[in-house]
C-alpha atoms as a PDB file:
ATOM      1  CA  UNK A   1     121.814  81.823 133.397  1.00  0.00           C
ATOM      2  CA  UNK A   2     118.669  83.338 134.261  1.00  0.00           C
ATOM      3  CA  UNK A   3     117.385  86.138 131.477  1.00  0.00           C
ATOM      4  CA  UNK A   4     114.523  88.319 131.749  1.00  0.00           C
ATOM      5  CA  UNK A   5     113.598  89.977 128.747  1.00  0.00           C
ATOM      6  CA  UNK A   6     111.873  93.379 129.145  1.00  0.00           C
ATOM      7  CA  UNK A   7     111.429  94.333 125.269  1.00  0.00           C
ATOM      8  CA  UNK A   8     109.217  91.669 122.876  1.00  0.00           C
ATOM      9  CA  UNK A   9     112.078  91.327 120.754  1.00  0.00           C
ATOM     10  CA  UNK A  10     114.710  89.738 122.938  1.00  0.00           C
ATOM     11  CA  UNK A  11     113.133  86.468 123.395  1.00  0.00           C
ATOM     12  CA  UNK A  12     113.227  85.802 119.596  1.00  0.00           C
ATOM     13  CA  UNK A  13     116.589  87.138 119.688  1.00  0.00           C
ATOM     14  CA  UNK A  14     117.915  84.605 122.519  1.00  0.00           C
ATOM     15  CA  UNK A  15     115.791  81.779 121.334  1.00  0.00           C
ATOM     16  CA  UNK A  16     117.528  81.874 118.009  1.00  0.00           C
ATOM     17  CA  UNK A  17     120.438  81.402 120.099  1.00  0.00           C
ATOM     18  CA  UNK A  18     119.465  78.338 121.390  1.00  0.00           C
ATOM     19  CA  UNK A  19     118.663  80.194 125.111  1.00  0.00           C
ATOM     20  CA  UNK A  20     115.039  79.321 125.524  1.00  0.00           C
ATOM     21  CA  UNK A  21     115.534  77.454 128.442  1.00  0.00           C
ATOM     22  CA  UNK A  22     117.534  80.313 130.477  1.00  0.00           C
ATOM     23  CA  UNK A  23     114.730  82.584 129.931  1.00  0.00           C
ATOM     24  CA  UNK A  24     112.959  83.063 133.043  1.00  0.00           C
ATOM     25  CA  UNK A  25     110.587  86.161 132.592  1.00  0.00           C
ATOM     26  CA  UNK A  26     109.520  88.313 129.966  1.00  0.00           C
ATOM     27  CA  UNK A  27     106.948  91.124 128.917  1.00  0.00           C
ATOM     28  CA  UNK A  28     103.115  91.437 128.590  1.00  0.00           C
ATOM     29  CA  UNK A  29     103.742  91.792 124.623  1.00  0.00           C
ATOM     30  CA  UNK A  30     106.148  88.999 124.347  1.00  0.00           C
ATOM     31  CA  UNK A  31     104.522  86.227 122.136  1.00  0.00           C
ATOM     32  CA  UNK A  32     107.238  84.616 120.110  1.00  0.00           C
ATOM     33  CA  UNK A  33     108.336  81.883 119.883  1.00  0.00           C
ATOM     34  CA  UNK A  34     105.062  80.521 121.281  1.00  0.00           C
ATOM     35  CA  UNK A  35     106.717  78.630 124.175  1.00  0.00           C
ATOM     36  CA  UNK A  36     107.732  82.013 125.713  1.00  0.00           C
ATOM     37  CA  UNK A  37     103.662  82.745 126.156  1.00  0.00           C
ATOM     38  CA  UNK A  38     103.833  80.862 129.302  1.00  0.00           C
ATOM     39  CA  UNK A  39     106.830  82.160 131.045  1.00  0.00           C
ATOM     40  CA  UNK A  40     105.904  84.774 133.987  1.00  0.00           C
ATOM     41  CA  UNK A  41     105.327  88.751 132.828  1.00  0.00           C
ATOM     42  CA  UNK A  42     107.194  91.051 134.784  1.00  0.00           C
ATOM     43  CA  UNK A  43     105.158  94.411 133.220  1.00  0.00           C
ATOM     44  CA  UNK A  44     101.909  95.285 132.282  1.00  0.00           C
ATOM     45  CA  UNK A  45     100.449  98.162 129.879  1.00  0.00           C
ATOM     46  CA  UNK A  46      98.462 101.118 131.086  1.00  0.00           C
ATOM     47  CA  UNK A  47      96.968 101.366 127.622  1.00  0.00           C
ATOM     48  CA  UNK A  48      93.583  99.581 127.883  1.00  0.00           C
ATOM     49  CA  UNK A  49      92.651  96.793 125.503  1.00  0.00           C
ATOM     50  CA  UNK A  50      91.231  97.369 122.419  1.00  0.00           C
ATOM     51  CA  UNK A  51      91.937 101.112 122.188  1.00  0.00           C
ATOM     52  CA  UNK A  52      91.766 102.878 118.893  1.00  0.00           C
ATOM     53  CA  UNK A  53      94.990 104.415 117.107  1.00  0.00           C
ATOM     54  CA  UNK A  54      93.707 108.084 118.162  1.00  0.00           C
ATOM     55  CA  UNK A  55      93.196 106.871 121.443  1.00  0.00           C
ATOM     56  CA  UNK A  56      96.772 105.632 121.875  1.00  0.00           C
ATOM     57  CA  UNK A  57      98.194 108.313 120.419  1.00  0.00           C
ATOM     58  CA  UNK A  58      96.524 110.292 123.042  1.00  0.00           C
ATOM     59  CA  UNK A  59      97.759 108.281 126.027  1.00  0.00           C
ATOM     60  CA  UNK A  60     101.193 108.521 124.298  1.00  0.00           C
ATOM     61  CA  UNK A  61     101.471 112.367 124.250  1.00  0.00           C
ATOM     62  CA  UNK A  62      99.694 112.713 127.617  1.00  0.00           C
ATOM     63  CA  UNK A  63     102.311 110.472 128.951  1.00  0.00           C
ATOM     64  CA  UNK A  64     105.354 112.290 127.273  1.00  0.00           C
ATOM     65  CA  UNK A  65     103.901 115.722 128.563  1.00  0.00           C
ATOM     66  CA  UNK A  66     103.353 114.456 132.244  1.00  0.00           C
ATOM     67  CA  UNK A  67     106.988 112.420 132.279  1.00  0.00           C
ATOM     68  CA  UNK A  68     105.046 108.998 133.195  1.00  0.00           C
ATOM     69  CA  UNK A  69     105.483 105.805 132.008  1.00  0.00           C
ATOM     70  CA  UNK A  70     102.922 104.099 129.642  1.00  0.00           C
ATOM     71  CA  UNK A  71     103.955 100.478 131.716  1.00  0.00           C
ATOM     72  CA  UNK A  72     104.523  99.029 134.986  1.00  0.00           C
ATOM     73  CA  UNK A  73     107.244  96.807 136.327  1.00  0.00           C
ATOM     74  CA  UNK A  74     106.616  94.386 138.471  1.00  0.00           C
ATOM     75  CA  UNK A  75     109.596  94.541 141.313  1.00  0.00           C
ATOM     76  CA  UNK A  76     108.312  91.646 143.416  1.00  0.00           C
ATOM     77  CA  UNK A  77     107.906  89.487 140.631  1.00  0.00           C
ATOM     78  CA  UNK A  78     111.575  90.221 138.995  1.00  0.00           C
ATOM     79  CA  UNK A  79     112.801  89.895 142.312  1.00  0.00           C
ATOM     80  CA  UNK A  80     111.399  86.295 142.618  1.00  0.00           C
ATOM     81  CA  UNK A  81     112.455  85.349 139.208  1.00  0.00           C
ATOM     82  CA  UNK A  82     116.031  86.355 139.968  1.00  0.00           C
ATOM     83  CA  UNK A  83     117.428  86.803 136.837  1.00  0.00           C
ATOM     84  CA  UNK A  84     121.403  87.008 136.217  1.00  0.00           C
ATOM     85  CA  UNK A  85     120.723  89.212 133.141  1.00  0.00           C
ATOM     86  CA  UNK A  86     118.373  91.759 132.404  1.00  0.00           C
ATOM     87  CA  UNK A  87     117.753  92.677 128.563  1.00  0.00           C
ATOM     88  CA  UNK A  88     116.049  95.919 127.654  1.00  0.00           C
ATOM     89  CA  UNK A  89     116.570  98.982 125.591  1.00  0.00           C
ATOM     90  CA  UNK A  90     116.620 102.764 125.500  1.00  0.00           C
ATOM     91  CA  UNK A  91     114.922 103.540 121.898  1.00  0.00           C
ATOM     92  CA  UNK A  92     111.738 104.387 122.903  1.00  0.00           C
ATOM     93  CA  UNK A  93     109.877 104.918 126.185  1.00  0.00           C
ATOM     94  CA  UNK A  94     106.536 104.505 124.346  1.00  0.00           C
ATOM     95  CA  UNK A  95     107.907 100.380 123.146  1.00  0.00           C
ATOM     96  CA  UNK A  96     109.154  99.538 126.695  1.00  0.00           C
ATOM     97  CA  UNK A  97     109.621 100.161 130.176  1.00  0.00           C
ATOM     98  CA  UNK A  98     111.694 103.228 130.778  1.00  0.00           C
ATOM     99  CA  UNK A  99     115.424 102.353 130.787  1.00  0.00           C
ATOM    100  CA  UNK A 100     115.996 104.472 134.231  1.00  0.00           C
ATOM    101  CA  UNK A 101     113.416 102.452 135.864  1.00  0.00           C
ATOM    102  CA  UNK A 102     115.241  99.429 134.686  1.00  0.00           C
ATOM    103  CA  UNK A 103     118.241 100.470 136.553  1.00  0.00           C
ATOM    104  CA  UNK A 104     116.689 101.707 139.544  1.00  0.00           C
ATOM    105  CA  UNK A 105     115.094  97.948 139.997  1.00  0.00           C
ATOM    106  CA  UNK A 106     118.168  96.346 139.243  1.00  0.00           C
ATOM    107  CA  UNK A 107     119.895  98.374 141.551  1.00  0.00           C
ATOM    108  CA  UNK A 108     117.713  97.552 144.609  1.00  0.00           C
ATOM    109  CA  UNK A 109     117.337  93.826 144.028  1.00  0.00           C
ATOM    110  CA  UNK A 110     119.428  91.653 145.831  1.00  0.00           C
ATOM    111  CA  UNK A 111     122.656  90.129 144.173  1.00  0.00           C
ATOM    112  CA  UNK A 112     124.339  91.080 141.316  1.00  0.00           C
ATOM    113  CA  UNK A 113     123.479  91.067 138.042  1.00  0.00           C
ATOM    114  CA  UNK A 114     123.967  92.596 134.373  1.00  0.00           C
ATOM    115  CA  UNK A 115     121.815  94.774 132.474  1.00  0.00           C
ATOM    116  CA  UNK A 116     122.081  94.886 128.381  1.00  0.00           C
ATOM    117  CA  UNK A 117     120.406  98.037 126.571  1.00  0.00           C
ATOM    118  CA  UNK A 118     119.812  97.060 122.901  1.00  0.00           C
ATOM    119  CA  UNK A 119     119.106 100.117 120.762  1.00  0.00           C
ATOM    120  CA  UNK A 120     118.978  99.099 117.148  1.00  0.00           C
ATOM    121  CA  UNK A 121     118.449 101.867 114.673  1.00  0.00           C
ATOM    122  CA  UNK A 122     119.343 100.530 111.282  1.00  0.00           C
ATOM    123  CA  UNK A 123     118.650  97.328 109.627  1.00  0.00           C
ATOM    124  CA  UNK A 124     122.515  96.049 110.053  1.00  0.00           C
ATOM    125  CA  UNK A 125     122.061  97.241 113.896  1.00  0.00           C
ATOM    126  CA  UNK A 126     118.699  95.100 114.277  1.00  0.00           C
ATOM    127  CA  UNK A 127     121.146  91.478 112.736  1.00  0.00           C
ATOM    128  CA  UNK A 128     124.163  92.766 115.087  1.00  0.00           C
ATOM    129  CA  UNK A 129     121.930  92.318 118.328  1.00  0.00           C
ATOM    130  CA  UNK A 130     122.632  88.572 117.869  1.00  0.00           C
ATOM    131  CA  UNK A 131     126.682  89.458 118.196  1.00  0.00           C
ATOM    132  CA  UNK A 132     126.112  91.428 121.408  1.00  0.00           C
ATOM    133  CA  UNK A 133     123.819  88.839 122.926  1.00  0.00           C
ATOM    134  CA  UNK A 134     126.389  86.192 122.026  1.00  0.00           C
ATOM    135  CA  UNK A 135     129.305  87.639 123.521  1.00  0.00           C
ATOM    136  CA  UNK A 136     127.069  88.212 126.683  1.00  0.00           C
ATOM    137  CA  UNK A 137     125.753  84.488 127.046  1.00  0.00           C
ATOM    138  CA  UNK A 138     128.463  82.905 125.485  1.00  0.00           C
ATOM    139  CA  UNK A 139     126.750  81.837 121.910  1.00  0.00           C
ATOM    140  CA  UNK A 140     129.140  83.565 120.126  1.00  0.00           C
ATOM    141  CA  UNK A 141     129.468  80.557 117.291  1.00  0.00           C
ATOM    142  CA  UNK A 142     125.966  80.225 117.382  1.00  0.00           C
ATOM    143  CA  UNK A 143     125.148  84.005 116.837  1.00  0.00           C
ATOM    144  CA  UNK A 144     127.228  83.818 113.635  1.00  0.00           C
ATOM    145  CA  UNK A 145     125.781  81.201 112.077  1.00  0.00           C
ATOM    146  CA  UNK A 146     122.188  82.565 112.646  1.00  0.00           C
ATOM    147  CA  UNK A 147     123.402  85.938 111.383  1.00  0.00           C
ATOM    148  CA  UNK A 148     125.293  84.161 108.585  1.00  0.00           C
ATOM    149  CA  UNK A 149     121.427  82.657 107.553  1.00  0.00           C
ATOM    150  CA  UNK A 150     119.745  86.015 108.010  1.00  0.00           C
ATOM    151  CA  UNK A 151     122.278  87.990 105.779  1.00  0.00           C
ATOM    152  CA  UNK A 152     121.901  85.142 103.230  1.00  0.00           C
ATOM    153  CA  UNK A 153     118.052  85.636 102.845  1.00  0.00           C
ATOM    154  CA  UNK A 154     118.845  89.187 102.582  1.00  0.00           C
ATOM    155  CA  UNK A 155     120.794  88.900 100.069  1.00  0.00           C
ATOM    156  CA  UNK A 156     119.036  86.724  97.917  1.00  0.00           C
ATOM    157  CA  UNK A 157     116.091  88.942  97.731  1.00  0.00           C
ATOM    158  CA  UNK A 158     118.331  91.927  96.960  1.00  0.00           C
ATOM    159  CA  UNK A 159     119.916  89.782  93.948  1.00  0.00           C
ATOM    160  CA  UNK A 160     116.402  88.491  92.789  1.00  0.00           C
ATOM    161  CA  UNK A 161     115.235  91.932  92.843  1.00  0.00           C
ATOM    162  CA  UNK A 162     117.173  93.127  89.960  1.00  0.00           C
ATOM    163  CA  UNK A 163     114.915  90.489  88.105  1.00  0.00           C
ATOM    164  CA  UNK A 164     112.124  92.639  88.613  1.00  0.00           C
ATOM    165  CA  UNK A 165     110.153  94.192  85.933  1.00  0.00           C
ATOM    166  CA  UNK A 166     108.769  96.617  87.315  1.00  0.00           C
ATOM    167  CA  UNK A 167     111.640  99.129  88.724  1.00  0.00           C
ATOM    168  CA  UNK A 168     111.524 100.428  92.076  1.00  0.00           C
ATOM    169  CA  UNK A 169     108.228 101.754  93.251  1.00  0.00           C
ATOM    170  CA  UNK A 170     107.745 105.096  95.241  1.00  0.00           C
ATOM    171  CA  UNK A 171     106.273 103.402  98.545  1.00  0.00           C
ATOM    172  CA  UNK A 172     104.835 105.060 102.270  1.00  0.00           C
ATOM    173  CA  UNK A 173     104.745 103.014 104.962  1.00  0.00           C
ATOM    174  CA  UNK A 174     102.728 104.225 107.672  1.00  0.00           C
ATOM    175  CA  UNK A 175     103.912 103.631 110.883  1.00  0.00           C
ATOM    176  CA  UNK A 176     100.512 104.935 112.483  1.00  0.00           C
ATOM    177  CA  UNK A 177      97.668 105.570 110.747  1.00  0.00           C
ATOM    178  CA  UNK A 178      95.767 108.184 113.003  1.00  0.00           C
ATOM    179  CA  UNK A 179      97.399 110.753 112.545  1.00  0.00           C
ATOM    180  CA  UNK A 180      99.632 109.826 109.974  1.00  0.00           C
ATOM    181  CA  UNK A 181     103.491 109.109 111.030  1.00  0.00           C
ATOM    182  CA  UNK A 182     106.425 108.202 108.512  1.00  0.00           C
ATOM    183  CA  UNK A 183     108.541 105.460 109.621  1.00  0.00           C
ATOM    184  CA  UNK A 184     112.309 105.631 110.553  1.00  0.00           C
ATOM    185  CA  UNK A 185     114.820 103.187 111.633  1.00  0.00           C
ATOM    186  CA  UNK A 186     115.165  99.882 109.865  1.00  0.00           C
ATOM    187  CA  UNK A 187     112.237 100.372 107.761  1.00  0.00           C
ATOM    188  CA  UNK A 188     113.080 102.166 104.907  1.00  0.00           C
ATOM    189  CA  UNK A 189     116.362 100.190 104.410  1.00  0.00           C
ATOM    190  CA  UNK A 190     113.516  96.919 104.577  1.00  0.00           C
ATOM    191  CA  UNK A 191     111.590  99.088 101.638  1.00  0.00           C
ATOM    192  CA  UNK A 192     114.743  99.156 100.019  1.00  0.00           C
ATOM    193  CA  UNK A 193     115.978  95.594 100.313  1.00  0.00           C
ATOM    194  CA  UNK A 194     112.497  94.653  99.306  1.00  0.00           C
ATOM    195  CA  UNK A 195     112.882  96.905  95.648  1.00  0.00           C
ATOM    196  CA  UNK A 196     111.004  99.935  96.800  1.00  0.00           C
ATOM    197  CA  UNK A 197     111.832 103.278  97.384  1.00  0.00           C
ATOM    198  CA  UNK A 198     110.304 105.239 100.627  1.00  0.00           C
ATOM    199  CA  UNK A 199     109.487 108.393  99.986  1.00  0.00           C
ATOM    200  CA  UNK A 200     108.542 110.081 103.783  1.00  0.00           C
ATOM    201  CA  UNK A 201     110.322 107.941 106.050  1.00  0.00           C
ATOM    202  CA  UNK A 202     114.387 108.342 106.772  1.00  0.00           C
ATOM    203  CA  UNK A 203     116.530 105.415 107.131  1.00  0.00           C
ATOM    204  CA  UNK A 204     118.152 105.653 110.675  1.00  0.00           C
ATOM    205  CA  UNK A 205     116.229 108.003 112.035  1.00  0.00           C
ATOM    206  CA  UNK A 206     113.472 108.340 114.409  1.00  0.00           C
ATOM    207  CA  UNK A 207     110.052 107.696 112.913  1.00  0.00           C
ATOM    208  CA  UNK A 208     108.014 110.889 112.916  1.00  0.00           C
ATOM    209  CA  UNK A 209     104.562 112.379 112.346  1.00  0.00           C
ATOM    210  CA  UNK A 210     103.674 113.938 109.484  1.00  0.00           C
ATOM    211  CA  UNK A 211     100.754 115.822 107.715  1.00  0.00           C
ATOM    212  CA  UNK A 212      98.411 114.390 105.689  1.00  0.00           C
ATOM    213  CA  UNK A 213      99.494 117.034 103.098  1.00  0.00           C
ATOM    214  CA  UNK A 214     102.761 115.184 103.008  1.00  0.00           C
ATOM    215  CA  UNK A 215     101.085 112.136 101.607  1.00  0.00           C
ATOM    216  CA  UNK A 216      99.328 114.188  98.717  1.00  0.00           C
ATOM    217  CA  UNK A 217     102.347 115.583  98.057  1.00  0.00           C
ATOM    218  CA  UNK A 218     104.432 112.326  98.061  1.00  0.00           C
ATOM    219  CA  UNK A 219     102.122 110.668  95.685  1.00  0.00           C
ATOM    220  CA  UNK A 220     103.107 107.002  96.689  1.00  0.00           C
ATOM    221  CA  UNK A 221     102.755 104.118  94.421  1.00  0.00           C
ATOM    222  CA  UNK A 222     102.283 101.803  97.128  1.00  0.00           C
ATOM    223  CA  UNK A 223     101.102 102.405 100.541  1.00  0.00           C
ATOM    224  CA  UNK A 224     101.866  99.711 103.335  1.00  0.00           C
ATOM    225  CA  UNK A 225      99.627 100.283 106.459  1.00  0.00           C
ATOM    226  CA  UNK A 226     102.216  98.954 109.442  1.00  0.00           C
ATOM    227  CA  UNK A 227     100.978 100.324 112.556  1.00  0.00           C
ATOM    228  CA  UNK A 228     103.582  99.973 115.273  1.00  0.00           C
ATOM    229  CA  UNK A 229     102.313  97.038 117.580  1.00  0.00           C
ATOM    230  CA  UNK A 230      99.372  95.907 115.381  1.00  0.00           C
ATOM    231  CA  UNK A 231      99.056  92.388 113.809  1.00  0.00           C
ATOM    232  CA  UNK A 232      97.581  92.176 110.411  1.00  0.00           C
ATOM    233  CA  UNK A 233      93.791  91.682 111.767  1.00  0.00           C
ATOM    234  CA  UNK A 234      94.161  95.000 113.928  1.00  0.00           C
ATOM    235  CA  UNK A 235      95.775  96.845 111.293  1.00  0.00           C
ATOM    236  CA  UNK A 236      92.668  96.101 109.172  1.00  0.00           C
ATOM    237  CA  UNK A 237      90.435  96.745 111.885  1.00  0.00           C
ATOM    238  CA  UNK A 238      92.432 100.102 112.845  1.00  0.00           C
ATOM    239  CA  UNK A 239      92.077 101.179 108.821  1.00  0.00           C
ATOM    240  CA  UNK A 240      88.528 100.727 108.602  1.00  0.00           C
ATOM    241  CA  UNK A 241      87.789 103.027 111.524  1.00  0.00           C
ATOM    242  CA  UNK A 242      89.746 106.179 110.148  1.00  0.00           C
ATOM    243  CA  UNK A 243      88.304 108.616 107.883  1.00  0.00           C
ATOM    244  CA  UNK A 244      90.545 109.098 104.888  1.00  0.00           C
ATOM    245  CA  UNK A 245      91.057 112.390 103.278  1.00  0.00           C
ATOM    246  CA  UNK A 246      88.750 113.280 100.749  1.00  0.00           C
ATOM    247  CA  UNK A 247      91.691 113.183  98.062  1.00  0.00           C
ATOM    248  CA  UNK A 248      92.834 109.534  99.319  1.00  0.00           C
ATOM    249  CA  UNK A 249      91.433 108.041  96.360  1.00  0.00           C
ATOM    250  CA  UNK A 250      93.090 110.087  94.045  1.00  0.00           C
ATOM    251  CA  UNK A 251      96.531 108.732  94.789  1.00  0.00           C
ATOM    252  CA  UNK A 252      98.288 106.339  92.771  1.00  0.00           C
ATOM    253  CA  UNK A 253      98.574 103.804  95.154  1.00  0.00           C
ATOM    254  CA  UNK A 254      94.672 103.763  95.936  1.00  0.00           C
ATOM    255  CA  UNK A 255      93.567 104.161  92.254  1.00  0.00           C
ATOM    256  CA  UNK A 256      96.293 101.199  91.315  1.00  0.00           C
ATOM    257  CA  UNK A 257      94.631  99.044  94.024  1.00  0.00           C
ATOM    258  CA  UNK A 258      98.270  99.021  95.849  1.00  0.00           C
ATOM    259  CA  UNK A 259      97.394  99.590  99.713  1.00  0.00           C
ATOM    260  CA  UNK A 260      98.360  96.532 101.765  1.00  0.00           C
ATOM    261  CA  UNK A 261      98.139  95.946 105.298  1.00  0.00           C
ATOM    262  CA  UNK A 262     100.840  93.712 107.084  1.00  0.00           C
ATOM    263  CA  UNK A 263     101.352  92.503 110.589  1.00  0.00           C
ATOM    264  CA  UNK A 264     103.748  95.232 111.617  1.00  0.00           C
ATOM    265  CA  UNK A 265     104.293  93.732 115.059  1.00  0.00           C
ATOM    266  CA  UNK A 266     105.904  90.570 114.181  1.00  0.00           C
ATOM    267  CA  UNK A 267     108.068  91.990 111.204  1.00  0.00           C
ATOM    268  CA  UNK A 268     108.095  95.317 110.714  1.00  0.00           C
ATOM    269  CA  UNK A 269     108.058  97.410 114.457  1.00  0.00           C
ATOM    270  CA  UNK A 270     110.036  94.752 116.186  1.00  0.00           C
ATOM    271  CA  UNK A 271     113.533  94.961 116.064  1.00  0.00           C
ATOM    272  CA  UNK A 272     114.440  90.683 115.747  1.00  0.00           C
ATOM    273  CA  UNK A 273     115.144  88.289 113.271  1.00  0.00           C
ATOM    274  CA  UNK A 274     111.842  88.426 111.635  1.00  0.00           C
ATOM    275  CA  UNK A 275     112.594  91.941 110.224  1.00  0.00           C
ATOM    276  CA  UNK A 276     114.337  89.532 107.509  1.00  0.00           C
ATOM    277  CA  UNK A 277     111.027  87.913 107.172  1.00  0.00           C
ATOM    278  CA  UNK A 278     109.196  91.514 106.519  1.00  0.00           C
ATOM    279  CA  UNK A 279     111.672  92.141 103.699  1.00  0.00           C
ATOM    280  CA  UNK A 280     110.505  89.153 101.946  1.00  0.00           C
ATOM    281  CA  UNK A 281     106.906  90.113 102.782  1.00  0.00           C
ATOM    282  CA  UNK A 282     107.508  93.551 100.965  1.00  0.00           C
ATOM    283  CA  UNK A 283     109.318  91.911  98.433  1.00  0.00           C
ATOM    284  CA  UNK A 284     106.332  89.674  97.652  1.00  0.00           C
ATOM    285  CA  UNK A 285     104.042  93.101  97.790  1.00  0.00           C
ATOM    286  CA  UNK A 286     106.242  94.961  95.381  1.00  0.00           C
ATOM    287  CA  UNK A 287     107.218  92.506  92.604  1.00  0.00           C
ATOM    288  CA  UNK A 288     105.216  89.565  92.882  1.00  0.00           C
ATOM    289  CA  UNK A 289     106.019  88.576  89.374  1.00  0.00           C
ATOM    290  CA  UNK A 290     109.590  87.611  90.779  1.00  0.00           C
ATOM    291  CA  UNK A 291     108.462  86.557  94.952  1.00  0.00           C
ATOM    292  CA  UNK A 292     105.123  85.140  94.294  1.00  0.00           C
ATOM    293  CA  UNK A 293     102.609  85.237  97.024  1.00  0.00           C
ATOM    294  CA  UNK A 294     102.960  82.165  99.093  1.00  0.00           C
ATOM    295  CA  UNK A 295     102.253  84.817 102.440  1.00  0.00           C
ATOM    296  CA  UNK A 296      99.293  86.598 101.034  1.00  0.00           C
ATOM    297  CA  UNK A 297      96.396  86.277 103.388  1.00  0.00           C
ATOM    298  CA  UNK A 298      98.876  85.129 106.713  1.00  0.00           C
ATOM    299  CA  UNK A 299     101.172  88.092 106.885  1.00  0.00           C
ATOM    300  CA  UNK A 300      99.803  90.598 104.463  1.00  0.00           C
ATOM    301  CA  UNK A 301      96.576  91.610 102.541  1.00  0.00           C
ATOM    302  CA  UNK A 302      95.311  94.020  99.699  1.00  0.00           C
ATOM    303  CA  UNK A 303      93.441  96.343 101.586  1.00  0.00           C
ATOM    304  CA  UNK A 304      89.908  96.729  99.298  1.00  0.00           C
ATOM    305  CA  UNK A 305      89.269 100.375  98.588  1.00  0.00           C
ATOM    306  CA  UNK A 306      85.734 100.258 100.068  1.00  0.00           C
ATOM    307  CA  UNK A 307      87.409  99.886 103.326  1.00  0.00           C
ATOM    308  CA  UNK A 308      89.317 103.446 102.593  1.00  0.00           C
ATOM    309  CA  UNK A 309      86.559 105.613 102.953  1.00  0.00           C
END
């Protein structure tokens, strides 16, 4: 089988099923596991490298208004790779190539091929993708084993959270910083599994743009900076660029030093197996007395108050 992935999470899912040698093409954003970085990329982004969050937001809004894509699909290279199976998504045109464009490309390519669309909305949906791909690739047993291991890790976190002294802190996961967005889809469930309470985002619903006044009214105990697609260092750079509201330092989270940056690209915005790592990271942030801080500095970091000017 020859598989082409048109979304960054699919190689993680496929490689977890032992299909790394079946992957023949990926997107420009596919970077995990490391071995997929050398595969041919069949997409490219029209967003300039190094663009700020505000600049990206402006480009996204313009693309939606003008009904144009932020990505280019290399149909010629896709034809050269001759995949039997193309894995894509319909959930978000901002995150990957437009689904209709993929279907059109599959239609004009020579030979038969299947197109699978993955559309997770919840934490359970993210893990259920393993079963979907397992059935499509004759890896049903492998999918069950991987799913069982991930479920066990989640259950371990949920069980240990019961020993936390802090209770459930009120958490705001910032899916975008400038302007502020509240996380949706699976992220609020990640917060809940880690022993917190998401106060602005809605589980299994879309992420949404909010107003700074919404944050002021919510008065979160903890703020997680997790801008979609940004790694840890990128998140910290973005946080330093923003002109935070004058009242920001008065938030309970800021006054208590409870503002944290995470590697959102790897563990939050990408619906693959590593969302379970994201839950474990949140558990360390919210309840270090139970879970320790072994991943601090590598996957998450406390944000200094002077950075939030």
